[in-house]
N, C-alpha and C. Protein backbone atom coordinates (compact mmCIF):
# COMPACT_ATOMS: atom_id res chain seq x y z
N UNK A 1 106.56 -123.86 -8.19
CA UNK A 1 105.37 -125.17 -7.73
C UNK A 1 105.71 -127.05 -8.29
N UNK A 2 106.14 -126.93 -9.55
CA UNK A 2 106.68 -128.54 -9.62
C UNK A 2 108.23 -128.43 -9.35
N UNK A 3 109.31 -127.45 -9.06
CA UNK A 3 110.81 -128.10 -8.08
C UNK A 3 110.13 -128.75 -6.68
N UNK A 4 109.01 -128.58 -6.13
CA UNK A 4 108.87 -128.48 -4.52
C UNK A 4 107.81 -130.16 -4.94
N UNK A 5 107.51 -130.35 -5.84
CA UNK A 5 107.41 -131.88 -6.27
C UNK A 5 107.45 -132.61 -6.12
N UNK A 6 108.88 -132.15 -6.82
CA UNK A 6 109.88 -132.64 -7.95
C UNK A 6 111.11 -134.11 -6.34
N UNK A 7 110.86 -132.35 -5.53
CA UNK A 7 112.19 -132.88 -4.59
C UNK A 7 111.03 -133.56 -3.03
N UNK A 8 109.86 -133.54 -3.05
CA UNK A 8 109.19 -134.59 -2.60
C UNK A 8 108.53 -135.91 -2.95
N UNK A 9 109.22 -135.73 -4.10
CA UNK A 9 109.50 -137.20 -3.95
C UNK A 9 110.01 -137.98 -4.72
N UNK A 10 111.04 -137.35 -4.47
CA UNK A 10 112.34 -137.64 -4.29
C UNK A 10 112.61 -137.74 -2.72
N UNK A 11 111.55 -137.50 -2.16
CA UNK A 11 112.47 -138.06 -0.99
C UNK A 11 111.29 -139.10 -0.28
N UNK A 12 110.30 -139.36 -1.09
CA UNK A 12 109.82 -140.17 -0.33
C UNK A 12 109.36 -141.69 -1.47
N UNK A 13 110.95 -140.89 -2.07
CA UNK A 13 111.25 -142.43 -3.13
C UNK A 13 111.83 -143.57 -1.92
N UNK A 14 111.30 -144.42 -2.41
CA UNK A 14 112.21 -146.23 -1.37
C UNK A 14 111.25 -146.24 -0.47
N UNK A 15 110.83 -144.84 0.41
CA UNK A 15 109.83 -144.74 1.26
C UNK A 15 108.02 -145.59 1.72
N UNK A 16 107.88 -145.90 2.86
CA UNK A 16 106.43 -146.60 2.31
C UNK A 16 105.80 -145.81 2.53
N UNK A 17 105.44 -145.02 3.26
CA UNK A 17 104.39 -143.49 2.57
C UNK A 17 103.43 -143.86 3.73
N UNK A 18 102.83 -144.84 4.45
CA UNK A 18 102.10 -145.04 5.75
C UNK A 18 100.69 -144.60 5.33
N UNK A 19 100.27 -144.96 4.15
CA UNK A 19 99.23 -143.97 4.34
C UNK A 19 98.18 -145.99 3.88
N UNK A 20 98.25 -147.28 5.46
CA UNK A 20 97.55 -147.77 5.66
C UNK A 20 96.44 -147.69 6.85
N UNK A 21 96.24 -149.33 7.42
CA UNK A 21 95.45 -149.04 8.52
C UNK A 21 95.63 -148.55 9.71
N UNK A 22 96.83 -148.52 9.63
CA UNK A 22 97.14 -148.99 11.34
C UNK A 22 97.86 -147.63 11.47
N UNK A 23 97.97 -146.52 10.11
CA UNK A 23 98.70 -145.32 10.26
C UNK A 23 97.46 -144.26 10.43
N UNK A 24 96.14 -144.53 9.31
CA UNK A 24 94.86 -143.88 10.36
C UNK A 24 94.89 -144.17 10.94
N UNK A 25 94.20 -145.02 12.09
CA UNK A 25 94.26 -145.90 13.20
C UNK A 25 95.34 -144.54 14.52
N UNK A 26 96.87 -144.85 14.54
CA UNK A 26 97.70 -144.45 15.08
C UNK A 26 97.34 -142.50 14.69
N UNK A 27 96.82 -142.16 13.73
CA UNK A 27 96.20 -140.81 13.64
C UNK A 27 95.34 -140.18 14.28
N UNK A 28 94.66 -141.31 14.29
CA UNK A 28 92.80 -140.65 14.75
C UNK A 28 93.00 -140.77 16.61
N UNK A 29 93.70 -141.43 16.88
CA UNK A 29 93.74 -141.89 18.52
C UNK A 29 94.88 -140.80 18.86
N UNK A 30 96.08 -140.47 17.84
CA UNK A 30 96.61 -139.47 18.03
C UNK A 30 95.59 -138.14 18.91
N UNK A 31 94.67 -137.77 17.44
CA UNK A 31 93.89 -136.55 17.80
C UNK A 31 92.98 -136.87 18.78
N UNK A 32 92.50 -138.35 19.05
CA UNK A 32 91.89 -138.04 20.62
C UNK A 32 92.18 -137.91 21.36
N UNK A 33 93.86 -138.67 21.61
CA UNK A 33 94.06 -137.87 22.99
C UNK A 33 94.31 -136.58 22.95
N UNK A 34 94.98 -136.01 22.00
CA UNK A 34 95.35 -134.62 22.21
C UNK A 34 94.38 -133.72 22.48
N UNK A 35 92.90 -134.07 21.72
CA UNK A 35 92.12 -133.31 22.71
C UNK A 35 92.06 -133.63 23.77
N UNK A 36 92.10 -134.58 24.89
CA UNK A 36 91.51 -135.21 25.70
C UNK A 36 92.09 -134.24 27.28
N UNK A 37 93.68 -134.64 25.75
CA UNK A 37 95.07 -133.73 26.85
C UNK A 37 94.72 -131.89 27.19
N UNK A 38 94.05 -131.64 25.97
CA UNK A 38 93.57 -130.20 26.13
C UNK A 38 92.87 -129.96 27.10
N UNK A 39 91.48 -131.18 27.09
CA UNK A 39 90.28 -130.78 28.12
C UNK A 39 90.74 -131.28 29.22
N UNK A 40 91.61 -132.27 29.38
CA UNK A 40 91.95 -132.70 30.97
C UNK A 40 93.25 -131.71 30.98
N UNK A 41 93.91 -131.61 31.00
CA UNK A 41 95.24 -130.69 31.43
C UNK A 41 96.26 -131.48 31.68
N UNK A 42 96.60 -132.85 30.82
CA UNK A 42 97.16 -133.56 30.93
C UNK A 42 98.38 -133.59 30.73
N UNK A 43 99.75 -133.95 30.97
CA UNK A 43 101.05 -133.61 30.25
C UNK A 43 100.83 -135.30 29.69
N UNK A 44 100.42 -136.37 30.87
CA UNK A 44 100.96 -137.94 30.71
C UNK A 44 100.24 -137.68 28.93
N UNK A 45 98.86 -137.65 29.15
CA UNK A 45 98.08 -137.28 27.93
C UNK A 45 98.94 -137.90 26.83
N UNK A 46 99.60 -135.66 26.39
CA UNK A 46 100.12 -135.21 25.18
C UNK A 46 101.69 -135.49 24.83
N UNK A 47 101.58 -136.20 26.02
CA UNK A 47 103.42 -136.94 26.05
C UNK A 47 102.60 -138.23 25.19
N UNK A 48 101.82 -138.98 25.48
CA UNK A 48 101.32 -140.28 25.15
C UNK A 48 100.55 -139.73 23.23
N UNK A 49 100.13 -138.57 23.05
CA UNK A 49 99.40 -138.45 21.82
C UNK A 49 100.51 -138.18 20.97
N UNK A 50 101.88 -136.84 21.08
CA UNK A 50 103.21 -136.82 20.75
C UNK A 50 103.83 -137.66 20.46
N UNK A 51 103.88 -139.33 21.43
CA UNK A 51 104.28 -140.51 21.19
C UNK A 51 104.26 -141.03 19.62
N UNK A 52 102.82 -140.87 19.44
CA UNK A 52 102.07 -142.67 19.03
C UNK A 52 102.23 -141.02 17.11
N UNK A 53 102.52 -139.19 17.21
CA UNK A 53 102.58 -139.16 16.35
C UNK A 53 103.59 -139.04 15.78
N UNK A 54 104.81 -138.66 16.51
CA UNK A 54 105.94 -139.21 16.03
C UNK A 54 106.31 -141.16 15.53
N UNK A 55 105.30 -141.70 15.87
CA UNK A 55 105.22 -144.05 15.59
C UNK A 55 104.95 -142.93 14.30
N UNK A 56 103.73 -142.69 13.69
CA UNK A 56 103.12 -142.66 12.38
C UNK A 56 104.24 -142.24 11.54
N UNK A 57 104.74 -140.77 12.40
CA UNK A 57 106.06 -140.72 11.92
C UNK A 57 107.28 -141.53 10.90
N UNK A 58 107.39 -141.40 11.59
CA UNK A 58 107.91 -142.82 11.26
C UNK A 58 108.08 -143.97 10.30
N UNK A 59 106.97 -144.24 10.81
CA UNK A 59 106.36 -145.19 10.25
C UNK A 59 106.20 -145.47 8.40
N UNK A 60 105.55 -143.79 8.42
CA UNK A 60 105.78 -142.82 7.25
C UNK A 60 107.22 -143.00 6.08
N UNK A 61 108.25 -142.46 7.22
CA UNK A 61 109.23 -142.46 6.08
C UNK A 61 110.34 -143.22 6.17
N UNK A 62 109.60 -144.20 7.07
CA UNK A 62 110.53 -145.51 7.31
C UNK A 62 111.02 -146.33 5.05
N UNK A 63 112.68 -146.95 5.58
CA UNK A 63 112.79 -147.79 4.54
C UNK A 63 112.04 -149.10 4.26
N UNK A 64 112.25 -149.00 5.55
CA UNK A 64 112.00 -151.23 5.87
C UNK A 64 110.18 -151.51 4.95
N UNK A 65 109.64 -151.32 4.30
CA UNK A 65 108.64 -151.33 3.35
C UNK A 65 107.67 -152.86 3.59
N UNK A 66 109.01 -154.54 4.08
CA UNK A 66 108.11 -154.96 4.61
C UNK A 66 107.88 -154.99 5.95
N UNK A 67 108.46 -154.93 6.81
CA UNK A 67 108.20 -155.04 7.86
C UNK A 67 107.16 -153.48 8.24
N UNK A 68 106.79 -152.84 7.41
CA UNK A 68 105.63 -151.72 7.73
C UNK A 68 104.73 -152.66 7.19
N UNK A 69 104.45 -153.69 6.59
CA UNK A 69 102.91 -154.29 5.71
C UNK A 69 102.59 -155.25 6.57
N UNK A 70 104.12 -155.68 7.13
CA UNK A 70 104.07 -156.96 8.31
C UNK A 70 102.94 -156.36 9.05
N UNK A 71 103.90 -155.05 9.80
CA UNK A 71 102.98 -154.69 10.96
C UNK A 71 101.16 -154.27 10.69
N UNK A 72 101.55 -153.74 9.63
CA UNK A 72 99.66 -153.35 9.39
C UNK A 72 99.20 -154.16 9.18
N UNK A 73 99.81 -155.46 8.01
CA UNK A 73 98.76 -156.90 7.83
C UNK A 73 98.59 -157.56 9.47
N UNK A 74 99.58 -157.55 10.35
CA UNK A 74 99.46 -158.03 12.54
C UNK A 74 98.23 -156.78 13.10
N UNK A 75 98.37 -155.83 12.82
CA UNK A 75 97.39 -155.25 12.84
C UNK A 75 95.74 -155.22 12.29
N UNK A 76 95.79 -155.36 11.17
CA UNK A 76 94.55 -155.55 10.62
C UNK A 76 93.83 -157.11 10.82
N UNK A 77 94.92 -158.37 11.45
CA UNK A 77 93.98 -158.63 11.69
C UNK A 77 93.28 -158.99 13.18
N UNK A 78 94.24 -159.02 13.66
CA UNK A 78 93.97 -158.54 15.67
C UNK A 78 92.70 -157.55 14.82
N UNK A 79 92.51 -156.31 14.86
CA UNK A 79 91.85 -155.57 14.71
C UNK A 79 90.36 -155.92 14.52
N UNK A 80 90.17 -157.21 13.39
CA UNK A 80 88.70 -157.67 13.06
C UNK A 80 88.63 -158.91 13.82
N UNK A 81 90.02 -159.56 14.89
CA UNK A 81 89.45 -160.64 15.50
C UNK A 81 88.67 -159.78 16.88
N UNK A 82 89.35 -159.31 17.25
CA UNK A 82 88.31 -158.09 17.70
C UNK A 82 87.22 -157.83 18.10
N UNK A 83 86.34 -157.57 15.99
CA UNK A 83 85.76 -157.07 16.37
C UNK A 83 84.86 -158.09 16.19
N UNK A 84 85.72 -159.10 15.64
CA UNK A 84 84.40 -160.77 15.60
C UNK A 84 84.40 -161.28 16.70
N UNK A 85 85.18 -160.53 17.94
CA UNK A 85 84.69 -161.58 18.72
C UNK A 85 83.93 -161.51 19.52
N UNK A 86 83.07 -159.54 19.32
CA UNK A 86 81.63 -159.23 20.04
C UNK A 86 80.45 -159.63 18.67
N UNK A 87 79.30 -159.80 19.97
CA UNK A 87 78.31 -160.90 18.04
C UNK A 87 77.77 -159.95 17.39
N UNK A 88 77.50 -160.47 16.68
CA UNK A 88 77.43 -159.83 14.92
C UNK A 88 78.83 -158.74 14.76
N UNK A 89 79.40 -159.47 14.88
CA UNK A 89 80.74 -158.79 14.73
C UNK A 89 81.03 -158.83 13.51
N UNK A 90 81.36 -160.53 13.28
CA UNK A 90 81.76 -160.32 10.90
C UNK A 90 80.13 -159.53 10.05
N UNK A 91 79.16 -160.18 10.71
CA UNK A 91 77.82 -160.06 9.16
C UNK A 91 77.22 -158.58 9.61
N UNK A 92 77.15 -158.64 10.50
CA UNK A 92 76.37 -157.11 11.02
C UNK A 92 77.28 -155.72 10.22
N UNK A 93 77.87 -155.59 9.99
CA UNK A 93 77.47 -154.87 8.78
C UNK A 93 78.40 -154.16 7.45
N UNK A 94 78.82 -155.90 7.28
CA UNK A 94 78.46 -156.32 5.60
C UNK A 94 77.03 -156.45 5.22
N UNK A 95 76.01 -157.16 6.16
CA UNK A 95 74.67 -157.40 5.32
C UNK A 95 73.75 -157.48 6.38
N UNK A 96 72.80 -156.48 5.31
CA UNK A 96 72.09 -156.18 6.04
C UNK A 96 70.75 -156.37 5.11
N UNK A 97 70.21 -157.66 4.55
CA UNK A 97 69.77 -158.80 4.63
C UNK A 97 69.36 -159.89 4.88
N UNK A 98 70.01 -160.17 6.21
CA UNK A 98 70.07 -161.44 7.27
C UNK A 98 70.57 -160.98 8.40
N UNK A 99 70.01 -161.74 8.64
CA UNK A 99 70.66 -162.36 10.36
C UNK A 99 71.65 -163.67 10.45
N UNK A 100 72.36 -163.36 12.11
CA UNK A 100 73.21 -164.88 12.15
C UNK A 100 72.31 -165.18 13.95
N UNK A 101 71.92 -166.43 13.86
CA UNK A 101 71.52 -166.55 15.44
C UNK A 101 72.46 -167.58 15.43
N UNK A 102 72.74 -168.31 16.67
CA UNK A 102 73.69 -169.13 16.98
C UNK A 102 73.26 -170.52 17.92
N UNK A 103 72.67 -171.73 16.90
CA UNK A 103 71.86 -172.84 17.20
C UNK A 103 72.52 -173.01 18.47
N UNK A 104 71.65 -173.15 20.54
CA UNK A 104 71.32 -173.12 21.03
C UNK A 104 71.89 -174.97 21.90
N UNK A 105 72.42 -175.59 20.77
CA UNK A 105 72.67 -176.69 21.45
C UNK A 105 74.31 -177.13 20.59
N UNK A 106 74.48 -176.41 19.30
CA UNK A 106 76.22 -177.22 19.05
C UNK A 106 76.19 -175.70 19.05
N UNK A 107 76.22 -174.64 18.84
CA UNK A 107 76.47 -172.59 18.64
C UNK A 107 76.73 -172.71 17.23
N UNK A 108 76.35 -173.75 16.44
CA UNK A 108 76.88 -173.39 15.06
C UNK A 108 75.98 -172.43 14.99
N UNK A 109 76.72 -171.03 13.49
CA UNK A 109 76.18 -169.96 13.19
C UNK A 109 75.03 -170.44 12.28
N UNK A 110 73.98 -170.15 12.44
CA UNK A 110 72.96 -170.07 10.95
C UNK A 110 72.59 -168.56 10.73
N UNK A 111 72.66 -168.47 9.08
CA UNK A 111 72.26 -167.58 9.02
C UNK A 111 70.61 -167.55 8.07
N UNK A 112 70.12 -166.64 8.06
CA UNK A 112 68.83 -166.53 7.88
C UNK A 112 68.36 -165.09 7.05
N UNK A 113 67.13 -165.35 6.32
CA UNK A 113 66.95 -164.32 6.09
C UNK A 113 65.93 -162.58 7.23
N UNK A 114 66.49 -161.78 6.47
CA UNK A 114 65.91 -161.08 7.91
C UNK A 114 63.96 -160.14 7.79
N UNK A 115 63.08 -160.20 8.41
CA UNK A 115 62.17 -159.41 8.24
C UNK A 115 60.83 -160.48 7.72
N UNK A 116 60.95 -161.75 8.05
CA UNK A 116 60.27 -162.46 8.72
C UNK A 116 59.14 -163.31 9.36
N UNK A 117 59.43 -162.45 10.60
CA UNK A 117 58.88 -162.01 11.93
C UNK A 117 59.86 -163.22 12.04
N UNK A 118 58.93 -164.18 13.07
CA UNK A 118 59.20 -165.15 13.77
C UNK A 118 58.98 -166.86 13.00
N UNK A 119 60.59 -167.10 12.82
CA UNK A 119 60.60 -168.70 12.12
C UNK A 119 61.26 -169.82 12.52
N UNK A 120 60.86 -170.85 12.71
CA UNK A 120 61.64 -172.13 12.85
C UNK A 120 63.15 -172.06 12.61
N UNK A 121 63.68 -172.22 12.86
CA UNK A 121 65.01 -172.26 12.39
C UNK A 121 65.70 -174.00 12.63
N UNK A 122 66.07 -174.17 11.68
CA UNK A 122 66.95 -175.79 11.82
C UNK A 122 68.57 -175.64 11.48
N UNK A 123 68.74 -175.92 12.23
CA UNK A 123 70.43 -176.00 12.48
C UNK A 123 70.77 -177.17 10.99
N UNK A 124 71.93 -176.71 10.20
CA UNK A 124 72.21 -178.14 9.39
C UNK A 124 73.00 -178.91 10.08
N UNK A 125 73.78 -178.74 11.09
CA UNK A 125 74.77 -179.95 11.53
C UNK A 125 74.36 -180.14 12.47
N UNK A 126 72.96 -180.04 13.49
CA UNK A 126 72.77 -180.75 14.13
C UNK A 126 70.81 -181.03 14.16
N UNK A 127 70.34 -180.98 13.43
CA UNK A 127 69.18 -180.59 12.84
C UNK A 127 67.72 -180.17 14.60
N UNK A 128 69.29 -179.32 14.72
CA UNK A 128 67.87 -178.67 16.57
C UNK A 128 67.34 -177.80 15.81
N UNK A 129 66.11 -177.61 16.24
CA UNK A 129 65.06 -176.82 15.52
C UNK A 129 64.86 -176.29 16.73
N UNK A 130 64.78 -174.18 16.37
CA UNK A 130 64.68 -173.12 17.35
C UNK A 130 64.22 -172.14 16.95
N UNK A 131 63.47 -171.42 17.73
CA UNK A 131 62.53 -170.42 17.86
C UNK A 131 63.01 -168.79 17.15
N UNK A 132 63.02 -168.07 16.65
CA UNK A 132 63.57 -166.48 16.76
C UNK A 132 63.09 -166.16 15.61
N UNK A 133 63.75 -164.70 16.19
CA UNK A 133 62.25 -163.34 15.25
C UNK A 133 63.73 -163.09 14.24
N UNK A 134 63.12 -163.14 13.23
CA UNK A 134 63.66 -162.54 12.11
C UNK A 134 63.80 -161.39 11.96
């Protein structure tokens, strides 16, 4: 058994490995497309899912680690920009004790504690006062 592990370790030496965010999303997308291909009996979805799996394995066995890390960095930044585009995207998943409101006048984000009912919020930038439920 240890001989097998040594051979696998030698094979993967100097390779990227691929246990990063992009590969996890590629494998999740592969599974979803494969299930849809089975349900809908679509050859196009089946080929697309196989292409995703092939790209994920290409990234795992790649020796160009710098390029794979750069791909992952760009993917993570793009994913974060996409999630931040939606209201509450940045703070809602991390901060369960505060809410974020936008000032109706200057659009400045204002963070206030949750659970205080209706409160008067003063914008720190333009000093406009508005009432919201926290």
